[in-house]
Amino acid sequence: MAQLRQDYEEFVKRGAEVIVVGPEGPEAFARYWEEEQLPFVGLPDPGHVVLKRYGQEVNLFKLGRMPAQAIVDREGVVRWIHYGHSMSDIPSNEELLALLDELG
């Protein structure tokens, strides 16, 4: 999430909103957001409702949810999605910003 914070203004300049979905409950999520002073939206998903909708993988051998990034347009259509195979398999901000530029 620190990666997203670094270039948050670049995402906003492109008309995008960053939303991070996590498995924690609302109280833990709110506490983390406050402590880290994250500028984007955080959505607690302890019931895995969003996880299931977008097909995010859970791998118990790797301690939970695998990373996933999606670009969803204003109509709710998924325009691009990446499912990571490990916690280090996350596209860079530069890649995501370039995709936003391509998608217009």
N, C-alpha and C. Protein backbone atom coordinates (compact mmCIF):
# COMPACT_ATOMS: atom_id res chain seq x y z
N MET A 1 0.81 -1.19 0.00
CA MET A 1 0.00 0.00 0.00
C MET A 1 0.86 1.26 0.00
N ALA A 2 2.04 1.13 0.56
CA ALA A 2 2.95 2.28 0.54
C ALA A 2 3.28 2.67 -0.90
N GLN A 3 3.39 1.65 -1.76
CA GLN A 3 3.67 1.90 -3.18
C GLN A 3 2.57 2.77 -3.79
N LEU A 4 1.33 2.45 -3.48
CA LEU A 4 0.21 3.21 -4.04
C LEU A 4 0.17 4.63 -3.48
N ARG A 5 0.55 4.77 -2.20
CA ARG A 5 0.56 6.11 -1.58
C ARG A 5 1.56 7.02 -2.28
N GLN A 6 2.70 6.47 -2.70
CA GLN A 6 3.76 7.27 -3.32
C GLN A 6 3.26 8.00 -4.57
N ASP A 7 2.44 7.36 -5.37
CA ASP A 7 1.98 7.95 -6.63
C ASP A 7 0.48 8.22 -6.65
N TYR A 8 -0.11 8.33 -5.49
CA TYR A 8 -1.56 8.51 -5.43
C TYR A 8 -2.03 9.68 -6.29
N GLU A 9 -1.33 10.79 -6.22
CA GLU A 9 -1.74 11.98 -6.99
C GLU A 9 -1.69 11.71 -8.49
N GLU A 10 -0.78 10.86 -8.95
CA GLU A 10 -0.72 10.51 -10.37
C GLU A 10 -1.96 9.71 -10.79
N PHE A 11 -2.42 8.84 -9.90
CA PHE A 11 -3.65 8.10 -10.19
C PHE A 11 -4.83 9.07 -10.28
N VAL A 12 -4.91 9.99 -9.33
CA VAL A 12 -5.99 10.97 -9.30
C VAL A 12 -5.97 11.84 -10.55
N LYS A 13 -4.79 12.25 -10.99
CA LYS A 13 -4.67 13.08 -12.20
C LYS A 13 -5.26 12.38 -13.41
N ARG A 14 -5.26 11.07 -13.39
CA ARG A 14 -5.80 10.29 -14.52
C ARG A 14 -7.28 9.95 -14.33
N GLY A 15 -7.88 10.52 -13.31
CA GLY A 15 -9.30 10.28 -13.08
C GLY A 15 -9.59 8.96 -12.38
N ALA A 16 -8.57 8.36 -11.79
CA ALA A 16 -8.73 7.07 -11.12
C ALA A 16 -8.87 7.26 -9.62
N GLU A 17 -9.51 6.32 -9.00
CA GLU A 17 -9.56 6.27 -7.54
C GLU A 17 -8.97 4.93 -7.12
N VAL A 18 -8.09 4.98 -6.15
CA VAL A 18 -7.48 3.76 -5.62
C VAL A 18 -8.36 3.25 -4.48
N ILE A 19 -8.71 1.99 -4.56
CA ILE A 19 -9.49 1.34 -3.50
C ILE A 19 -8.75 0.06 -3.13
N VAL A 20 -8.43 -0.07 -1.86
CA VAL A 20 -7.74 -1.26 -1.37
C VAL A 20 -8.73 -2.08 -0.56
N VAL A 21 -8.88 -3.34 -0.92
CA VAL A 21 -9.79 -4.24 -0.23
C VAL A 21 -8.94 -5.21 0.58
N GLY A 22 -9.28 -5.37 1.85
CA GLY A 22 -8.50 -6.25 2.71
C GLY A 22 -9.37 -7.15 3.55
N PRO A 23 -8.79 -8.21 4.09
CA PRO A 23 -9.55 -9.21 4.83
C PRO A 23 -9.87 -8.84 6.28
N GLU A 24 -9.32 -7.74 6.76
CA GLU A 24 -9.53 -7.37 8.16
C GLU A 24 -10.94 -6.86 8.39
N GLY A 25 -11.35 -6.84 9.64
CA GLY A 25 -12.63 -6.28 10.02
C GLY A 25 -12.58 -4.76 10.02
N PRO A 26 -13.72 -4.11 10.13
CA PRO A 26 -13.79 -2.65 10.03
C PRO A 26 -12.92 -1.90 11.06
N GLU A 27 -12.89 -2.37 12.30
CA GLU A 27 -12.13 -1.66 13.33
C GLU A 27 -10.64 -1.72 13.04
N ALA A 28 -10.13 -2.90 12.74
CA ALA A 28 -8.70 -3.05 12.43
C ALA A 28 -8.34 -2.27 11.18
N PHE A 29 -9.21 -2.30 10.20
CA PHE A 29 -8.96 -1.60 8.95
C PHE A 29 -8.89 -0.10 9.20
N ALA A 30 -9.85 0.44 9.92
CA ALA A 30 -9.89 1.88 10.21
C ALA A 30 -8.66 2.30 11.01
N ARG A 31 -8.26 1.49 11.97
CA ARG A 31 -7.08 1.80 12.78
C ARG A 31 -5.84 1.86 11.91
N TYR A 32 -5.67 0.88 11.02
CA TYR A 32 -4.50 0.86 10.13
C TYR A 32 -4.50 2.08 9.21
N TRP A 33 -5.65 2.42 8.66
CA TRP A 33 -5.75 3.56 7.74
C TRP A 33 -5.37 4.85 8.47
N GLU A 34 -5.82 4.97 9.70
CA GLU A 34 -5.50 6.17 10.48
C GLU A 34 -4.01 6.21 10.82
N GLU A 35 -3.47 5.10 11.29
CA GLU A 35 -2.05 5.06 11.66
C GLU A 35 -1.14 5.36 10.48
N GLU A 36 -1.47 4.83 9.31
CA GLU A 36 -0.63 4.99 8.12
C GLU A 36 -0.99 6.23 7.31
N GLN A 37 -2.08 6.89 7.68
CA GLN A 37 -2.55 8.10 6.99
C GLN A 37 -2.62 7.88 5.47
N LEU A 38 -3.31 6.82 5.10
CA LEU A 38 -3.45 6.49 3.68
C LEU A 38 -4.48 7.40 3.03
N PRO A 39 -4.17 7.96 1.87
CA PRO A 39 -5.05 8.94 1.23
C PRO A 39 -6.17 8.34 0.40
N PHE A 40 -6.17 7.03 0.22
CA PHE A 40 -7.16 6.40 -0.65
C PHE A 40 -8.15 5.60 0.17
N VAL A 41 -9.14 5.08 -0.52
CA VAL A 41 -10.24 4.35 0.11
C VAL A 41 -9.80 2.96 0.53
N GLY A 42 -10.19 2.56 1.72
CA GLY A 42 -9.96 1.21 2.21
C GLY A 42 -11.29 0.54 2.48
N LEU A 43 -11.44 -0.68 2.00
CA LEU A 43 -12.69 -1.40 2.15
C LEU A 43 -12.43 -2.72 2.89
N PRO A 44 -12.92 -2.84 4.13
CA PRO A 44 -12.76 -4.11 4.83
C PRO A 44 -13.67 -5.16 4.20
N ASP A 45 -13.13 -6.36 4.04
CA ASP A 45 -13.89 -7.44 3.40
C ASP A 45 -13.69 -8.76 4.18
N PRO A 46 -14.02 -8.76 5.48
CA PRO A 46 -13.78 -9.98 6.26
C PRO A 46 -14.62 -11.17 5.81
N GLY A 47 -15.75 -10.92 5.16
CA GLY A 47 -16.61 -12.00 4.65
C GLY A 47 -16.23 -12.46 3.26
N HIS A 48 -15.18 -11.88 2.68
CA HIS A 48 -14.66 -12.25 1.36
C HIS A 48 -15.67 -12.06 0.22
N VAL A 49 -16.60 -11.13 0.38
CA VAL A 49 -17.61 -10.88 -0.64
C VAL A 49 -16.95 -10.33 -1.91
N VAL A 50 -16.11 -9.31 -1.75
CA VAL A 50 -15.44 -8.71 -2.90
C VAL A 50 -14.43 -9.70 -3.49
N LEU A 51 -13.71 -10.39 -2.62
CA LEU A 51 -12.74 -11.40 -3.05
C LEU A 51 -13.41 -12.40 -3.99
N LYS A 52 -14.53 -12.91 -3.62
CA LYS A 52 -15.23 -13.91 -4.44
C LYS A 52 -15.71 -13.30 -5.76
N ARG A 53 -16.20 -12.08 -5.71
CA ARG A 53 -16.73 -11.44 -6.91
C ARG A 53 -15.66 -11.27 -7.98
N TYR A 54 -14.44 -10.94 -7.56
CA TYR A 54 -13.36 -10.70 -8.51
C TYR A 54 -12.43 -11.90 -8.69
N GLY A 55 -12.73 -13.00 -8.03
CA GLY A 55 -11.96 -14.22 -8.24
C GLY A 55 -10.57 -14.21 -7.63
N GLN A 56 -10.39 -13.42 -6.58
CA GLN A 56 -9.08 -13.38 -5.93
C GLN A 56 -8.80 -14.71 -5.24
N GLU A 57 -7.59 -15.19 -5.40
CA GLU A 57 -7.20 -16.50 -4.87
C GLU A 57 -6.82 -16.42 -3.40
N VAL A 58 -7.19 -17.45 -2.67
CA VAL A 58 -6.73 -17.63 -1.30
C VAL A 58 -5.85 -18.86 -1.30
N ASN A 59 -4.64 -18.72 -0.76
CA ASN A 59 -3.70 -19.83 -0.70
C ASN A 59 -3.25 -19.96 0.75
N LEU A 60 -3.78 -20.95 1.44
CA LEU A 60 -3.47 -21.13 2.86
C LEU A 60 -1.99 -21.42 3.09
N PHE A 61 -1.32 -22.02 2.12
CA PHE A 61 0.10 -22.29 2.26
C PHE A 61 0.93 -21.01 2.21
N LYS A 62 0.35 -19.96 1.63
CA LYS A 62 1.04 -18.67 1.55
C LYS A 62 0.37 -17.64 2.46
N LEU A 63 -0.35 -18.14 3.46
CA LEU A 63 -0.93 -17.32 4.53
C LEU A 63 -2.05 -16.39 4.10
N GLY A 64 -2.87 -16.81 3.16
CA GLY A 64 -4.07 -16.03 2.87
C GLY A 64 -4.24 -15.59 1.44
N ARG A 65 -4.79 -14.41 1.28
CA ARG A 65 -5.11 -13.86 -0.04
C ARG A 65 -3.86 -13.59 -0.84
N MET A 66 -3.92 -13.96 -2.09
CA MET A 66 -2.86 -13.59 -3.03
C MET A 66 -3.19 -12.18 -3.54
N PRO A 67 -2.19 -11.41 -3.90
CA PRO A 67 -2.48 -10.06 -4.38
C PRO A 67 -3.24 -10.08 -5.71
N ALA A 68 -4.10 -9.11 -5.87
CA ALA A 68 -4.82 -8.93 -7.13
C ALA A 68 -5.02 -7.43 -7.32
N GLN A 69 -4.85 -6.98 -8.55
CA GLN A 69 -5.10 -5.59 -8.90
C GLN A 69 -6.05 -5.58 -10.08
N ALA A 70 -7.00 -4.65 -10.03
CA ALA A 70 -7.97 -4.54 -11.12
C ALA A 70 -8.17 -3.07 -11.46
N ILE A 71 -8.42 -2.83 -12.72
CA ILE A 71 -8.86 -1.51 -13.17
C ILE A 71 -10.30 -1.69 -13.62
N VAL A 72 -11.18 -0.98 -12.92
CA VAL A 72 -12.62 -1.07 -13.18
C VAL A 72 -13.07 0.31 -13.66
N ASP A 73 -13.78 0.35 -14.78
CA ASP A 73 -14.20 1.66 -15.31
C ASP A 73 -15.42 2.19 -14.55
N ARG A 74 -15.84 3.37 -14.91
CA ARG A 74 -16.94 4.04 -14.20
C ARG A 74 -18.27 3.29 -14.31
N GLU A 75 -18.40 2.44 -15.32
CA GLU A 75 -19.62 1.65 -15.48
C GLU A 75 -19.54 0.33 -14.73
N GLY A 76 -18.42 0.07 -14.06
CA GLY A 76 -18.27 -1.16 -13.29
C GLY A 76 -17.71 -2.32 -14.08
N VAL A 77 -17.19 -2.05 -15.28
CA VAL A 77 -16.63 -3.10 -16.12
C VAL A 77 -15.14 -3.25 -15.81
N VAL A 78 -14.72 -4.48 -15.55
CA VAL A 78 -13.30 -4.74 -15.31
C VAL A 78 -12.57 -4.63 -16.64
N ARG A 79 -11.68 -3.67 -16.74
CA ARG A 79 -10.94 -3.43 -17.98
C ARG A 79 -9.60 -4.14 -18.00
N TRP A 80 -9.07 -4.46 -16.80
CA TRP A 80 -7.78 -5.13 -16.69
C TRP A 80 -7.71 -5.73 -15.29
N ILE A 81 -7.09 -6.92 -15.19
CA ILE A 81 -6.92 -7.55 -13.88
C ILE A 81 -5.64 -8.36 -13.86
N HIS A 82 -4.99 -8.36 -12.73
CA HIS A 82 -3.76 -9.13 -12.53
C HIS A 82 -3.91 -9.91 -11.23
N TYR A 83 -3.73 -11.22 -11.31
CA TYR A 83 -3.74 -12.08 -10.14
C TYR A 83 -2.30 -12.46 -9.82
N GLY A 84 -1.80 -12.04 -8.67
CA GLY A 84 -0.43 -12.35 -8.28
C GLY A 84 -0.30 -13.77 -7.76
N HIS A 85 0.89 -14.34 -7.93
CA HIS A 85 1.17 -15.70 -7.45
C HIS A 85 1.93 -15.70 -6.14
N SER A 86 2.36 -14.50 -5.71
CA SER A 86 3.03 -14.33 -4.43
C SER A 86 2.88 -12.88 -4.03
N MET A 87 3.27 -12.56 -2.81
CA MET A 87 3.13 -11.18 -2.34
C MET A 87 4.08 -10.23 -3.06
N SER A 88 5.08 -10.77 -3.75
CA SER A 88 5.99 -9.90 -4.51
C SER A 88 5.54 -9.74 -5.97
N ASP A 89 4.49 -10.44 -6.37
CA ASP A 89 3.99 -10.38 -7.74
C ASP A 89 2.92 -9.29 -7.85
N ILE A 90 3.38 -8.06 -7.80
CA ILE A 90 2.49 -6.90 -7.84
C ILE A 90 3.01 -5.94 -8.90
N PRO A 91 2.17 -5.54 -9.85
CA PRO A 91 2.61 -4.59 -10.88
C PRO A 91 3.08 -3.27 -10.26
N SER A 92 4.04 -2.65 -10.89
CA SER A 92 4.54 -1.37 -10.39
C SER A 92 3.52 -0.27 -10.67
N ASN A 93 3.66 0.82 -9.96
CA ASN A 93 2.80 1.98 -10.23
C ASN A 93 2.96 2.43 -11.67
N GLU A 94 4.19 2.40 -12.18
CA GLU A 94 4.44 2.83 -13.56
C GLU A 94 3.62 1.99 -14.54
N GLU A 95 3.56 0.68 -14.30
CA GLU A 95 2.76 -0.19 -15.17
C GLU A 95 1.28 0.17 -15.09
N LEU A 96 0.79 0.37 -13.87
CA LEU A 96 -0.62 0.69 -13.69
C LEU A 96 -0.97 2.04 -14.31
N LEU A 97 -0.10 3.02 -14.12
CA LEU A 97 -0.35 4.35 -14.69
C LEU A 97 -0.34 4.29 -16.22
N ALA A 98 0.58 3.50 -16.79
CA ALA A 98 0.63 3.34 -18.25
C ALA A 98 -0.66 2.69 -18.76
N LEU A 99 -1.17 1.70 -18.03
CA LEU A 99 -2.44 1.07 -18.42
C LEU A 99 -3.58 2.07 -18.38
N LEU A 100 -3.62 2.91 -17.34
CA LEU A 100 -4.65 3.93 -17.27
C LEU A 100 -4.56 4.89 -18.45
N ASP A 101 -3.32 5.24 -18.83
CA ASP A 101 -3.14 6.12 -19.98
C ASP A 101 -3.65 5.46 -21.26
N GLU A 102 -3.36 4.17 -21.41
CA GLU A 102 -3.83 3.43 -22.60
C GLU A 102 -5.36 3.36 -22.66
N LEU A 103 -5.95 3.10 -21.50
CA LEU A 103 -7.40 2.94 -21.45
C LEU A 103 -8.13 4.27 -21.60
N GLY A 104 -7.40 5.35 -21.33
CA GLY A 104 -7.99 6.68 -21.50
C GLY A 104 -8.95 6.98 -20.41
